Amino acid sequence: MNVGCGVGLLLGGAAIGLTTALLLWKRLPAIVPVVMMAAAGLLIGAGALLVQRSVGAADWAVTLTLMGILSPLHCRVLFGRPGGRGLRTVLAEDLRHA
């Protein structure tokens, strides 16, 4: 149990997750926000486990696996596809309006 480290990881993961979801989800190439959200989920999961007593290896394995998978999936459901518009989409829209 390490409360200081756990709270720090929770706050850092929340900051990364909120910044990625609200500001960067649609602006960066698709893989970057997905990886950032997975990292944010891992930090939040690790921080939550560090503030608890008597956490076993199974708790670590399950929590980190699920948080790493579910955090980007959650953003995908809420905000749609990650990544900016590709060059083909921009060119196709420009040609349509010309």
C-alpha atoms as a PDB file:
ATOM      1  CA  MET A   1       0.000   0.000   0.000  1.00  0.00           C
ATOM      2  CA  ASN A   2       1.475   3.291  -1.108  1.00  0.00           C
ATOM      3  CA  VAL A   3      -1.129   6.024  -0.930  1.00  0.00           C
ATOM      4  CA  GLY A   4       1.037   8.872  -2.239  1.00  0.00           C
ATOM      5  CA  CYS A   5       2.099   6.998  -5.376  1.00  0.00           C
ATOM      6  CA  GLY A   6      -1.419   5.679  -5.902  1.00  0.00           C
ATOM      7  CA  VAL A   7      -3.014   9.114  -5.739  1.00  0.00           C
ATOM      8  CA  GLY A   8      -0.327  10.500  -8.048  1.00  0.00           C
ATOM      9  CA  LEU A   9      -0.991   7.760 -10.603  1.00  0.00           C
ATOM     10  CA  LEU A  10      -4.736   8.323 -10.349  1.00  0.00           C
ATOM     11  CA  LEU A  11      -4.389  12.054 -10.942  1.00  0.00           C
ATOM     12  CA  GLY A  12      -1.879  11.616 -13.763  1.00  0.00           C
ATOM     13  CA  GLY A  13      -3.993   8.978 -15.491  1.00  0.00           C
ATOM     14  CA  ALA A  14      -7.110  11.115 -15.158  1.00  0.00           C
ATOM     15  CA  ALA A  15      -5.304  14.143 -16.595  1.00  0.00           C
ATOM     16  CA  ILE A  16      -3.993  12.148 -19.568  1.00  0.00           C
ATOM     17  CA  GLY A  17      -7.363  10.507 -20.144  1.00  0.00           C
ATOM     18  CA  LEU A  18      -9.363  13.728 -20.020  1.00  0.00           C
ATOM     19  CA  THR A  19      -6.923  15.586 -22.246  1.00  0.00           C
ATOM     20  CA  THR A  20      -6.878  12.770 -24.766  1.00  0.00           C
ATOM     21  CA  ALA A  21     -10.630  12.214 -24.805  1.00  0.00           C
ATOM     22  CA  LEU A  22     -11.747  15.828 -24.869  1.00  0.00           C
ATOM     23  CA  LEU A  23      -9.002  17.507 -26.887  1.00  0.00           C
ATOM     24  CA  LEU A  24      -6.944  15.001 -28.864  1.00  0.00           C
ATOM     25  CA  TRP A  25      -9.292  12.122 -29.784  1.00  0.00           C
ATOM     26  CA  LYS A  26     -10.183  13.507 -33.212  1.00  0.00           C
ATOM     27  CA  ARG A  27      -7.031  15.548 -33.860  1.00  0.00           C
ATOM     28  CA  LEU A  28      -4.215  12.979 -33.768  1.00  0.00           C
ATOM     29  CA  PRO A  29      -3.632   9.974 -36.040  1.00  0.00           C
ATOM     30  CA  ALA A  30      -5.928   7.143 -34.943  1.00  0.00           C
ATOM     31  CA  ILE A  31      -3.419   4.922 -33.135  1.00  0.00           C
ATOM     32  CA  VAL A  32      -2.013   7.702 -30.928  1.00  0.00           C
ATOM     33  CA  PRO A  33      -5.165   8.524 -28.893  1.00  0.00           C
ATOM     34  CA  VAL A  34      -5.982   4.820 -28.553  1.00  0.00           C
ATOM     35  CA  VAL A  35      -2.556   4.131 -27.045  1.00  0.00           C
ATOM     36  CA  MET A  36      -2.810   7.245 -24.852  1.00  0.00           C
ATOM     37  CA  MET A  37      -6.205   6.137 -23.508  1.00  0.00           C
ATOM     38  CA  ALA A  38      -4.865   2.638 -22.831  1.00  0.00           C
ATOM     39  CA  ALA A  39      -1.956   4.179 -20.906  1.00  0.00           C
ATOM     40  CA  ALA A  40      -4.344   6.404 -18.965  1.00  0.00           C
ATOM     41  CA  GLY A  41      -6.447   3.370 -18.073  1.00  0.00           C
ATOM     42  CA  LEU A  42      -3.358   1.481 -16.906  1.00  0.00           C
ATOM     43  CA  LEU A  43      -2.274   4.405 -14.722  1.00  0.00           C
ATOM     44  CA  ILE A  44      -5.720   4.736 -13.166  1.00  0.00           C
ATOM     45  CA  GLY A  45      -5.930   0.998 -12.525  1.00  0.00           C
ATOM     46  CA  ALA A  46      -2.460   0.853 -10.969  1.00  0.00           C
ATOM     47  CA  GLY A  47      -3.191   3.899  -8.830  1.00  0.00           C
ATOM     48  CA  ALA A  48      -6.427   2.362  -7.584  1.00  0.00           C
ATOM     49  CA  LEU A  49      -4.623  -0.820  -6.584  1.00  0.00           C
ATOM     50  CA  LEU A  50      -1.806   1.011  -4.830  1.00  0.00           C
ATOM     51  CA  VAL A  51      -4.179   2.710  -2.383  1.00  0.00           C
ATOM     52  CA  GLN A  52      -5.736  -0.615  -1.309  1.00  0.00           C
ATOM     53  CA  ARG A  53      -4.527  -3.137   1.245  1.00  0.00           C
ATOM     54  CA  SER A  54      -3.821  -6.797   0.490  1.00  0.00           C
ATOM     55  CA  VAL A  55      -3.940  -6.746  -3.291  1.00  0.00           C
ATOM     56  CA  GLY A  56      -2.935  -9.993  -4.971  1.00  0.00           C
ATOM     57  CA  ALA A  57      -1.330 -10.798  -8.292  1.00  0.00           C
ATOM     58  CA  ALA A  58      -4.687 -11.728  -9.814  1.00  0.00           C
ATOM     59  CA  ASP A  59      -6.047  -8.300  -8.897  1.00  0.00           C
ATOM     60  CA  TRP A  60      -3.172  -6.658 -10.753  1.00  0.00           C
ATOM     61  CA  ALA A  61      -3.540  -8.886 -13.805  1.00  0.00           C
ATOM     62  CA  VAL A  62      -7.291  -8.477 -14.146  1.00  0.00           C
ATOM     63  CA  THR A  63      -7.392  -4.760 -13.368  1.00  0.00           C
ATOM     64  CA  LEU A  64      -4.586  -3.730 -15.692  1.00  0.00           C
ATOM     65  CA  THR A  65      -5.823  -5.934 -18.527  1.00  0.00           C
ATOM     66  CA  LEU A  66      -9.391  -4.669 -18.322  1.00  0.00           C
ATOM     67  CA  MET A  67      -8.465  -1.014 -17.860  1.00  0.00           C
ATOM     68  CA  GLY A  68      -6.026  -1.145 -20.772  1.00  0.00           C
ATOM     69  CA  ILE A  69      -8.732  -2.566 -23.039  1.00  0.00           C
ATOM     70  CA  LEU A  70     -11.848  -0.818 -21.777  1.00  0.00           C
ATOM     71  CA  SER A  71     -10.520   2.756 -21.591  1.00  0.00           C
ATOM     72  CA  PRO A  72      -9.996   3.181 -25.367  1.00  0.00           C
ATOM     73  CA  LEU A  73     -13.191   1.234 -26.050  1.00  0.00           C
ATOM     74  CA  HIS A  74     -15.134   3.571 -23.769  1.00  0.00           C
ATOM     75  CA  CYS A  75     -13.834   6.603 -25.681  1.00  0.00           C
ATOM     76  CA  ARG A  76     -14.638   4.940 -28.980  1.00  0.00           C
ATOM     77  CA  VAL A  77     -18.258   4.465 -27.884  1.00  0.00           C
ATOM     78  CA  LEU A  78     -18.600   8.012 -26.544  1.00  0.00           C
ATOM     79  CA  PHE A  79     -16.668  10.044 -29.112  1.00  0.00           C
ATOM     80  CA  GLY A  80     -16.696   7.939 -32.280  1.00  0.00           C
ATOM     81  CA  ARG A  81     -13.736   6.906 -34.346  1.00  0.00           C
ATOM     82  CA  PRO A  82     -10.362   8.248 -33.272  1.00  0.00           C
ATOM     83  CA  GLY A  83      -8.115  10.205 -35.568  1.00  0.00           C
ATOM     84  CA  GLY A  84      -8.439  13.172 -37.826  1.00  0.00           C
ATOM     85  CA  ARG A  85      -9.892  13.126 -41.270  1.00  0.00           C
ATOM     86  CA  GLY A  86      -7.597  11.477 -43.745  1.00  0.00           C
ATOM     87  CA  LEU A  87      -6.204  13.199 -46.807  1.00  0.00           C
ATOM     88  CA  ARG A  88      -8.544  11.266 -49.104  1.00  0.00           C
ATOM     89  CA  THR A  89     -11.600  12.514 -47.227  1.00  0.00           C
ATOM     90  CA  VAL A  90     -10.393  16.106 -47.334  1.00  0.00           C
ATOM     91  CA  LEU A  91      -9.601  15.889 -51.056  1.00  0.00           C
ATOM     92  CA  ALA A  92     -12.940  14.237 -51.833  1.00  0.00           C
ATOM     93  CA  GLU A  93     -14.825  16.968 -49.970  1.00  0.00           C
ATOM     94  CA  ASP A  94     -12.823  19.690 -51.729  1.00  0.00           C
ATOM     95  CA  LEU A  95     -13.578  18.166 -55.132  1.00  0.00           C
ATOM     96  CA  ARG A  96     -17.290  17.890 -54.315  1.00  0.00           C
ATOM     97  CA  HIS A  97     -17.530  21.562 -53.409  1.00  0.00           C
ATOM     98  CA  ALA A  98     -15.529  22.751 -56.425  1.00  0.00           C
END
